[in-house]
Amino acid sequence: MKKLVKKLKNKHKNMTKKILLVDDRENVRVTLRDIFENEGYTVVVATTGEKALDIIDKEKPDLVLLDTELDTVVPQSMNGFEVCRQIKKVKKLPIKVIVYTGTLGMIDAVKARHMGADDYIIKGEDPAVLVEAVKKLIGDAKN
């Protein structure tokens, strides 16, 4: 029995943490995916809020990295604030959410927090800031 428990602990210990990256812009998805895969995380991507919610149910990510504006692929698509609200307030999932945007306004930061976001990052900041925010919320890729 002790061997089985030890084996299960080691298996869990070696699992990489999973990030769902939700952005409608391919260049951003490619860049951020590369950054987080190089850090050792498993990265799954979605281009719309609706797809993100479907993927969350199937993939069970540890963290969702969520753009606020998701309407270039599908006009009138659910925006990042609404996806965050669905995750945190409607479904009440224990998934960490970082909202990021190109908008510099404090109103978006307040809105993101009100919707349940665990953190808010402005696009264009040093990618190390985003990596540190992820590590702060879910730890290194393998713990």
N, C-alpha and C. Protein backbone atom coordinates (compact mmCIF):
# COMPACT_ATOMS: atom_id res chain seq x y z
N MET A 1 0.82 -1.19 0.00
CA MET A 1 0.00 0.00 0.00
C MET A 1 0.87 1.27 0.00
N LYS A 2 1.96 1.25 0.77
CA LYS A 2 2.84 2.42 0.83
C LYS A 2 3.45 2.70 -0.54
N LYS A 3 3.77 1.63 -1.29
CA LYS A 3 4.35 1.82 -2.62
C LYS A 3 3.35 2.49 -3.56
N LEU A 4 2.08 2.09 -3.47
CA LEU A 4 1.05 2.68 -4.31
C LEU A 4 0.86 4.15 -4.00
N VAL A 5 0.81 4.51 -2.73
CA VAL A 5 0.66 5.91 -2.31
C VAL A 5 1.85 6.72 -2.80
N LYS A 6 3.05 6.21 -2.65
CA LYS A 6 4.26 6.90 -3.10
C LYS A 6 4.24 7.09 -4.62
N LYS A 7 3.80 6.06 -5.34
CA LYS A 7 3.74 6.12 -6.79
C LYS A 7 2.74 7.19 -7.24
N LEU A 8 1.57 7.25 -6.58
CA LEU A 8 0.57 8.26 -6.93
C LEU A 8 1.07 9.67 -6.61
N LYS A 9 1.76 9.84 -5.51
CA LYS A 9 2.31 11.16 -5.16
C LYS A 9 3.33 11.60 -6.19
N ASN A 10 4.19 10.69 -6.60
CA ASN A 10 5.21 11.03 -7.60
C ASN A 10 4.57 11.35 -8.95
N LYS A 11 3.51 10.62 -9.30
CA LYS A 11 2.82 10.88 -10.57
C LYS A 11 2.23 12.28 -10.55
N HIS A 12 1.57 12.64 -9.45
CA HIS A 12 0.97 13.96 -9.33
C HIS A 12 2.06 15.05 -9.32
N LYS A 13 3.16 14.76 -8.68
CA LYS A 13 4.28 15.70 -8.56
C LYS A 13 4.86 16.04 -9.93
N ASN A 14 4.85 15.08 -10.86
CA ASN A 14 5.45 15.28 -12.17
C ASN A 14 4.49 15.85 -13.21
N MET A 15 3.24 16.07 -12.83
CA MET A 15 2.29 16.63 -13.78
C MET A 15 2.55 18.13 -13.93
N THR A 16 2.49 18.61 -15.16
CA THR A 16 2.68 20.04 -15.37
C THR A 16 1.36 20.77 -15.20
N LYS A 17 1.45 21.98 -14.76
CA LYS A 17 0.26 22.79 -14.59
C LYS A 17 -0.20 23.30 -15.95
N LYS A 18 -1.51 23.46 -16.07
CA LYS A 18 -2.11 23.80 -17.36
C LYS A 18 -2.68 25.21 -17.34
N ILE A 19 -2.36 25.96 -18.41
CA ILE A 19 -2.86 27.32 -18.60
C ILE A 19 -3.75 27.33 -19.84
N LEU A 20 -4.92 27.93 -19.70
CA LEU A 20 -5.77 28.19 -20.85
C LEU A 20 -5.54 29.64 -21.24
N LEU A 21 -5.06 29.85 -22.45
CA LEU A 21 -4.77 31.17 -22.99
C LEU A 21 -5.91 31.56 -23.93
N VAL A 22 -6.59 32.65 -23.61
CA VAL A 22 -7.74 33.08 -24.41
C VAL A 22 -7.44 34.45 -25.02
N ASP A 23 -7.20 34.45 -26.33
CA ASP A 23 -6.92 35.69 -27.03
C ASP A 23 -7.34 35.51 -28.49
N ASP A 24 -7.90 36.54 -29.08
CA ASP A 24 -8.35 36.44 -30.46
C ASP A 24 -7.25 36.80 -31.46
N ARG A 25 -6.13 37.24 -31.00
CA ARG A 25 -5.03 37.62 -31.90
C ARG A 25 -3.95 36.54 -31.93
N GLU A 26 -3.72 36.02 -33.13
CA GLU A 26 -2.79 34.91 -33.28
C GLU A 26 -1.38 35.24 -32.81
N ASN A 27 -0.88 36.43 -33.14
CA ASN A 27 0.49 36.78 -32.75
C ASN A 27 0.65 36.77 -31.22
N VAL A 28 -0.36 37.21 -30.52
CA VAL A 28 -0.31 37.20 -29.05
C VAL A 28 -0.35 35.76 -28.54
N ARG A 29 -1.24 34.94 -29.11
CA ARG A 29 -1.33 33.53 -28.68
C ARG A 29 -0.01 32.81 -28.89
N VAL A 30 0.60 33.00 -30.05
CA VAL A 30 1.86 32.32 -30.36
C VAL A 30 2.96 32.76 -29.39
N THR A 31 3.07 34.05 -29.18
CA THR A 31 4.12 34.58 -28.29
C THR A 31 3.95 34.07 -26.86
N LEU A 32 2.73 34.23 -26.33
CA LEU A 32 2.50 33.81 -24.94
C LEU A 32 2.59 32.29 -24.78
N ARG A 33 2.12 31.57 -25.76
CA ARG A 33 2.24 30.11 -25.69
C ARG A 33 3.71 29.70 -25.61
N ASP A 34 4.54 30.29 -26.46
CA ASP A 34 5.97 29.99 -26.44
C ASP A 34 6.59 30.31 -25.08
N ILE A 35 6.25 31.48 -24.55
CA ILE A 35 6.81 31.89 -23.26
C ILE A 35 6.46 30.88 -22.17
N PHE A 36 5.18 30.51 -22.08
CA PHE A 36 4.76 29.63 -20.99
C PHE A 36 5.17 28.18 -21.21
N GLU A 37 5.23 27.73 -22.45
CA GLU A 37 5.74 26.38 -22.70
C GLU A 37 7.23 26.31 -22.36
N ASN A 38 7.97 27.38 -22.63
CA ASN A 38 9.39 27.40 -22.26
C ASN A 38 9.57 27.39 -20.75
N GLU A 39 8.58 27.88 -20.02
CA GLU A 39 8.60 27.83 -18.55
C GLU A 39 8.19 26.45 -18.04
N GLY A 40 7.69 25.59 -18.94
CA GLY A 40 7.33 24.22 -18.56
C GLY A 40 5.84 23.97 -18.38
N TYR A 41 5.01 24.98 -18.60
CA TYR A 41 3.56 24.81 -18.46
C TYR A 41 2.98 24.16 -19.71
N THR A 42 1.87 23.46 -19.54
CA THR A 42 1.08 23.00 -20.67
C THR A 42 0.14 24.13 -21.01
N VAL A 43 0.04 24.48 -22.30
CA VAL A 43 -0.79 25.61 -22.71
C VAL A 43 -1.83 25.14 -23.71
N VAL A 44 -3.08 25.48 -23.43
CA VAL A 44 -4.21 25.21 -24.32
C VAL A 44 -4.73 26.58 -24.73
N VAL A 45 -5.18 26.73 -25.99
CA VAL A 45 -5.63 28.04 -26.44
C VAL A 45 -7.09 28.04 -26.89
N ALA A 46 -7.70 29.22 -26.77
CA ALA A 46 -9.04 29.46 -27.29
C ALA A 46 -9.05 30.85 -27.91
N THR A 47 -9.89 31.03 -28.93
CA THR A 47 -9.96 32.32 -29.62
C THR A 47 -11.20 33.12 -29.26
N THR A 48 -12.17 32.48 -28.61
CA THR A 48 -13.39 33.18 -28.20
C THR A 48 -13.74 32.81 -26.76
N GLY A 49 -14.56 33.62 -26.16
CA GLY A 49 -15.01 33.33 -24.80
C GLY A 49 -15.83 32.06 -24.72
N GLU A 50 -16.66 31.85 -25.72
CA GLU A 50 -17.50 30.65 -25.75
C GLU A 50 -16.65 29.38 -25.82
N LYS A 51 -15.62 29.41 -26.69
CA LYS A 51 -14.72 28.26 -26.78
C LYS A 51 -13.96 28.05 -25.48
N ALA A 52 -13.59 29.15 -24.85
CA ALA A 52 -12.87 29.06 -23.57
C ALA A 52 -13.69 28.31 -22.53
N LEU A 53 -14.97 28.64 -22.42
CA LEU A 53 -15.82 27.98 -21.43
C LEU A 53 -15.97 26.49 -21.74
N ASP A 54 -16.04 26.13 -23.02
CA ASP A 54 -16.09 24.71 -23.40
C ASP A 54 -14.80 23.99 -23.01
N ILE A 55 -13.67 24.64 -23.30
CA ILE A 55 -12.37 24.04 -23.00
C ILE A 55 -12.17 23.88 -21.50
N ILE A 56 -12.62 24.84 -20.73
CA ILE A 56 -12.49 24.76 -19.27
C ILE A 56 -13.16 23.49 -18.75
N ASP A 57 -14.34 23.19 -19.26
CA ASP A 57 -15.06 21.99 -18.82
C ASP A 57 -14.30 20.71 -19.16
N LYS A 58 -13.62 20.70 -20.30
CA LYS A 58 -12.91 19.50 -20.76
C LYS A 58 -11.49 19.38 -20.21
N GLU A 59 -10.76 20.49 -20.21
CA GLU A 59 -9.33 20.46 -19.90
C GLU A 59 -8.98 20.71 -18.43
N LYS A 60 -9.87 21.34 -17.69
CA LYS A 60 -9.64 21.65 -16.27
C LYS A 60 -8.30 22.36 -16.05
N PRO A 61 -8.13 23.55 -16.64
CA PRO A 61 -6.86 24.27 -16.46
C PRO A 61 -6.70 24.76 -15.02
N ASP A 62 -5.45 25.00 -14.65
CA ASP A 62 -5.14 25.56 -13.33
C ASP A 62 -5.34 27.07 -13.34
N LEU A 63 -5.17 27.68 -14.52
CA LEU A 63 -5.24 29.12 -14.64
C LEU A 63 -5.75 29.50 -16.03
N VAL A 64 -6.53 30.56 -16.10
CA VAL A 64 -6.98 31.11 -17.38
C VAL A 64 -6.35 32.49 -17.53
N LEU A 65 -5.67 32.67 -18.64
CA LEU A 65 -5.07 33.95 -19.01
C LEU A 65 -5.97 34.53 -20.08
N LEU A 66 -6.63 35.64 -19.77
CA LEU A 66 -7.80 36.06 -20.52
C LEU A 66 -7.70 37.50 -21.01
N ASP A 67 -7.76 37.67 -22.33
CA ASP A 67 -7.81 39.01 -22.92
C ASP A 67 -9.20 39.59 -22.68
N THR A 68 -9.29 40.91 -22.54
CA THR A 68 -10.61 41.51 -22.31
C THR A 68 -11.42 41.63 -23.60
N GLU A 69 -10.75 41.85 -24.71
CA GLU A 69 -11.45 42.05 -25.99
C GLU A 69 -11.25 40.82 -26.86
N LEU A 70 -12.35 40.14 -27.14
CA LEU A 70 -12.29 38.88 -27.89
C LEU A 70 -13.21 38.90 -29.10
N ASP A 71 -13.28 40.03 -29.81
CA ASP A 71 -14.28 40.12 -30.86
C ASP A 71 -13.72 40.24 -32.28
N THR A 72 -12.42 40.05 -32.49
CA THR A 72 -11.91 40.14 -33.86
C THR A 72 -12.17 38.87 -34.65
N VAL A 73 -12.28 37.72 -33.99
CA VAL A 73 -12.56 36.47 -34.69
C VAL A 73 -14.05 36.34 -34.95
N VAL A 74 -14.84 36.54 -33.92
CA VAL A 74 -16.30 36.46 -34.02
C VAL A 74 -16.88 37.74 -33.43
N PRO A 75 -17.39 38.64 -34.30
CA PRO A 75 -17.99 39.86 -33.76
C PRO A 75 -19.12 39.52 -32.78
N GLN A 76 -19.27 40.33 -31.77
CA GLN A 76 -20.28 40.13 -30.73
C GLN A 76 -19.99 38.91 -29.85
N SER A 77 -18.76 38.43 -29.88
CA SER A 77 -18.37 37.32 -29.01
C SER A 77 -18.35 37.78 -27.56
N MET A 78 -18.49 36.85 -26.66
CA MET A 78 -18.43 37.14 -25.23
C MET A 78 -17.06 37.74 -24.91
N ASN A 79 -17.03 38.87 -24.19
CA ASN A 79 -15.74 39.49 -23.88
C ASN A 79 -15.09 38.82 -22.66
N GLY A 80 -13.86 39.20 -22.41
CA GLY A 80 -13.10 38.59 -21.33
C GLY A 80 -13.68 38.82 -19.95
N PHE A 81 -14.28 39.98 -19.74
CA PHE A 81 -14.90 40.25 -18.44
C PHE A 81 -16.04 39.28 -18.18
N GLU A 82 -16.85 39.02 -19.21
CA GLU A 82 -17.99 38.11 -19.05
C GLU A 82 -17.50 36.67 -18.85
N VAL A 83 -16.44 36.28 -19.55
CA VAL A 83 -15.88 34.94 -19.35
C VAL A 83 -15.40 34.80 -17.91
N CYS A 84 -14.72 35.81 -17.41
CA CYS A 84 -14.25 35.80 -16.03
C CYS A 84 -15.43 35.66 -15.07
N ARG A 85 -16.47 36.43 -15.30
CA ARG A 85 -17.67 36.36 -14.45
C ARG A 85 -18.29 34.95 -14.48
N GLN A 86 -18.33 34.36 -15.66
CA GLN A 86 -18.89 33.01 -15.78
C GLN A 86 -18.06 32.01 -14.98
N ILE A 87 -16.75 32.13 -15.06
CA ILE A 87 -15.86 31.20 -14.34
C ILE A 87 -15.99 31.38 -12.84
N LYS A 88 -15.92 32.62 -12.39
CA LYS A 88 -15.81 32.90 -10.96
C LYS A 88 -17.14 33.03 -10.22
N LYS A 89 -18.12 33.67 -10.86
CA LYS A 89 -19.35 34.00 -10.14
C LYS A 89 -20.51 33.06 -10.48
N VAL A 90 -20.58 32.59 -11.73
CA VAL A 90 -21.69 31.73 -12.13
C VAL A 90 -21.34 30.27 -11.86
N LYS A 91 -20.24 29.80 -12.45
CA LYS A 91 -19.84 28.40 -12.26
C LYS A 91 -19.11 28.18 -10.94
N LYS A 92 -18.58 29.26 -10.38
CA LYS A 92 -17.84 29.22 -9.11
C LYS A 92 -16.72 28.18 -9.13
N LEU A 93 -15.95 28.21 -10.20
CA LEU A 93 -14.84 27.27 -10.36
C LEU A 93 -13.61 27.76 -9.61
N PRO A 94 -12.84 26.84 -9.06
CA PRO A 94 -11.63 27.23 -8.31
C PRO A 94 -10.41 27.44 -9.21
N ILE A 95 -10.65 28.05 -10.35
CA ILE A 95 -9.59 28.29 -11.32
C ILE A 95 -9.12 29.73 -11.15
N LYS A 96 -7.82 29.92 -11.17
CA LYS A 96 -7.26 31.27 -11.10
C LYS A 96 -7.43 31.95 -12.45
N VAL A 97 -7.71 33.24 -12.44
CA VAL A 97 -7.91 34.00 -13.68
C VAL A 97 -7.07 35.27 -13.64
N ILE A 98 -6.29 35.45 -14.70
CA ILE A 98 -5.58 36.71 -14.91
C ILE A 98 -6.18 37.36 -16.15
N VAL A 99 -6.69 38.56 -15.99
CA VAL A 99 -7.22 39.33 -17.10
C VAL A 99 -6.12 40.25 -17.58
N TYR A 100 -5.92 40.30 -18.91
CA TYR A 100 -4.93 41.23 -19.44
C TYR A 100 -5.52 41.99 -20.61
N THR A 101 -5.05 43.22 -20.78
CA THR A 101 -5.62 44.09 -21.81
C THR A 101 -4.61 45.12 -22.26
N GLY A 102 -4.89 45.70 -23.40
CA GLY A 102 -4.07 46.79 -23.90
C GLY A 102 -4.55 48.13 -23.39
N THR A 103 -5.70 48.14 -22.72
CA THR A 103 -6.28 49.37 -22.19
C THR A 103 -5.59 49.75 -20.89
N LEU A 104 -5.23 51.00 -20.77
CA LEU A 104 -4.49 51.46 -19.60
C LEU A 104 -5.37 51.99 -18.48
N GLY A 105 -6.68 52.00 -18.67
CA GLY A 105 -7.57 52.60 -17.69
C GLY A 105 -7.76 51.80 -16.42
N MET A 106 -7.86 52.51 -15.30
CA MET A 106 -8.12 51.86 -14.01
C MET A 106 -9.51 51.26 -13.97
N ILE A 107 -10.41 51.78 -14.80
CA ILE A 107 -11.78 51.25 -14.82
C ILE A 107 -11.76 49.77 -15.18
N ASP A 108 -10.93 49.38 -16.16
CA ASP A 108 -10.85 47.96 -16.53
C ASP A 108 -10.28 47.12 -15.40
N ALA A 109 -9.31 47.63 -14.69
CA ALA A 109 -8.73 46.89 -13.57
C ALA A 109 -9.77 46.66 -12.49
N VAL A 110 -10.54 47.69 -12.19
CA VAL A 110 -11.59 47.57 -11.19
C VAL A 110 -12.67 46.61 -11.66
N LYS A 111 -13.04 46.72 -12.93
CA LYS A 111 -14.06 45.83 -13.49
C LYS A 111 -13.60 44.37 -13.44
N ALA A 112 -12.33 44.14 -13.78
CA ALA A 112 -11.78 42.78 -13.75
C ALA A 112 -11.86 42.20 -12.34
N ARG A 113 -11.48 42.98 -11.36
CA ARG A 113 -11.55 42.52 -9.96
C ARG A 113 -13.00 42.26 -9.55
N HIS A 114 -13.89 43.15 -9.98
CA HIS A 114 -15.31 43.00 -9.65
C HIS A 114 -15.88 41.70 -10.25
N MET A 115 -15.39 41.31 -11.41
CA MET A 115 -15.84 40.08 -12.06
C MET A 115 -15.19 38.83 -11.47
N GLY A 116 -14.23 39.04 -10.56
CA GLY A 116 -13.62 37.90 -9.88
C GLY A 116 -12.20 37.58 -10.28
N ALA A 117 -11.59 38.40 -11.14
CA ALA A 117 -10.22 38.13 -11.57
C ALA A 117 -9.26 38.13 -10.38
N ASP A 118 -8.30 37.23 -10.43
CA ASP A 118 -7.28 37.15 -9.38
C ASP A 118 -6.16 38.15 -9.60
N ASP A 119 -5.98 38.57 -10.86
CA ASP A 119 -4.96 39.57 -11.16
C ASP A 119 -5.32 40.26 -12.47
N TYR A 120 -4.68 41.39 -12.72
CA TYR A 120 -4.93 42.21 -13.90
C TYR A 120 -3.59 42.72 -14.40
N ILE A 121 -3.30 42.47 -15.66
CA ILE A 121 -2.00 42.85 -16.25
C ILE A 121 -2.26 43.65 -17.52
N ILE A 122 -1.44 44.65 -17.77
CA ILE A 122 -1.55 45.43 -18.99
C ILE A 122 -0.63 44.83 -20.05
N LYS A 123 -1.19 44.58 -21.25
CA LYS A 123 -0.40 44.05 -22.36
C LYS A 123 0.74 45.01 -22.66
N GLY A 124 1.84 44.44 -23.11
CA GLY A 124 2.97 45.26 -23.46
C GLY A 124 3.97 45.42 -22.33
N GLU A 125 3.56 45.07 -21.11
CA GLU A 125 4.53 45.06 -20.02
C GLU A 125 5.52 43.95 -20.30
N ASP A 126 6.63 43.99 -19.63
CA ASP A 126 7.64 42.94 -19.75
C ASP A 126 6.97 41.59 -19.51
N PRO A 127 7.16 40.62 -20.42
CA PRO A 127 6.56 39.30 -20.23
C PRO A 127 6.91 38.65 -18.89
N ALA A 128 8.03 39.05 -18.32
CA ALA A 128 8.41 38.51 -17.01
C ALA A 128 7.38 38.87 -15.94
N VAL A 129 6.71 40.00 -16.11
CA VAL A 129 5.67 40.41 -15.16
C VAL A 129 4.51 39.41 -15.21
N LEU A 130 4.14 39.02 -16.42
CA LEU A 130 3.06 38.05 -16.59
C LEU A 130 3.46 36.68 -16.06
N VAL A 131 4.67 36.26 -16.34
CA VAL A 131 5.17 34.97 -15.84
C VAL A 131 5.16 34.98 -14.30
N GLU A 132 5.62 36.05 -13.71
CA GLU A 132 5.63 36.14 -12.24
C GLU A 132 4.22 36.12 -11.66
N ALA A 133 3.28 36.77 -12.34
CA ALA A 133 1.89 36.76 -11.88
C ALA A 133 1.32 35.35 -11.90
N VAL A 134 1.64 34.60 -12.95
CA VAL A 134 1.19 33.21 -13.05
C VAL A 134 1.81 32.37 -11.93
N LYS A 135 3.10 32.50 -11.75
CA LYS A 135 3.79 31.72 -10.71
C LYS A 135 3.26 32.06 -9.31
N LYS A 136 2.93 33.33 -9.11
CA LYS A 136 2.39 33.75 -7.82
C LYS A 136 1.05 33.04 -7.53
N LEU A 137 0.26 32.85 -8.58
CA LEU A 137 -1.07 32.26 -8.40
C LEU A 137 -1.08 30.74 -8.38
N ILE A 138 -0.26 30.11 -9.25
CA ILE A 138 -0.32 28.64 -9.34
C ILE A 138 1.03 27.95 -9.12
N GLY A 139 2.06 28.72 -8.91
CA GLY A 139 3.39 28.13 -8.68
C GLY A 139 4.09 27.80 -9.99
N ASP A 140 5.24 27.19 -9.86
CA ASP A 140 6.01 26.77 -11.05
C ASP A 140 5.23 25.71 -11.81
N ALA A 141 5.67 25.44 -13.03
CA ALA A 141 4.97 24.49 -13.88
C ALA A 141 4.84 23.12 -13.22
N LYS A 142 5.87 22.72 -12.51
CA LYS A 142 5.84 21.42 -11.80
C LYS A 142 6.11 21.67 -10.35
N ASN A 143 5.19 21.27 -9.51
CA ASN A 143 5.37 21.39 -8.05
C ASN A 143 5.20 20.04 -7.43
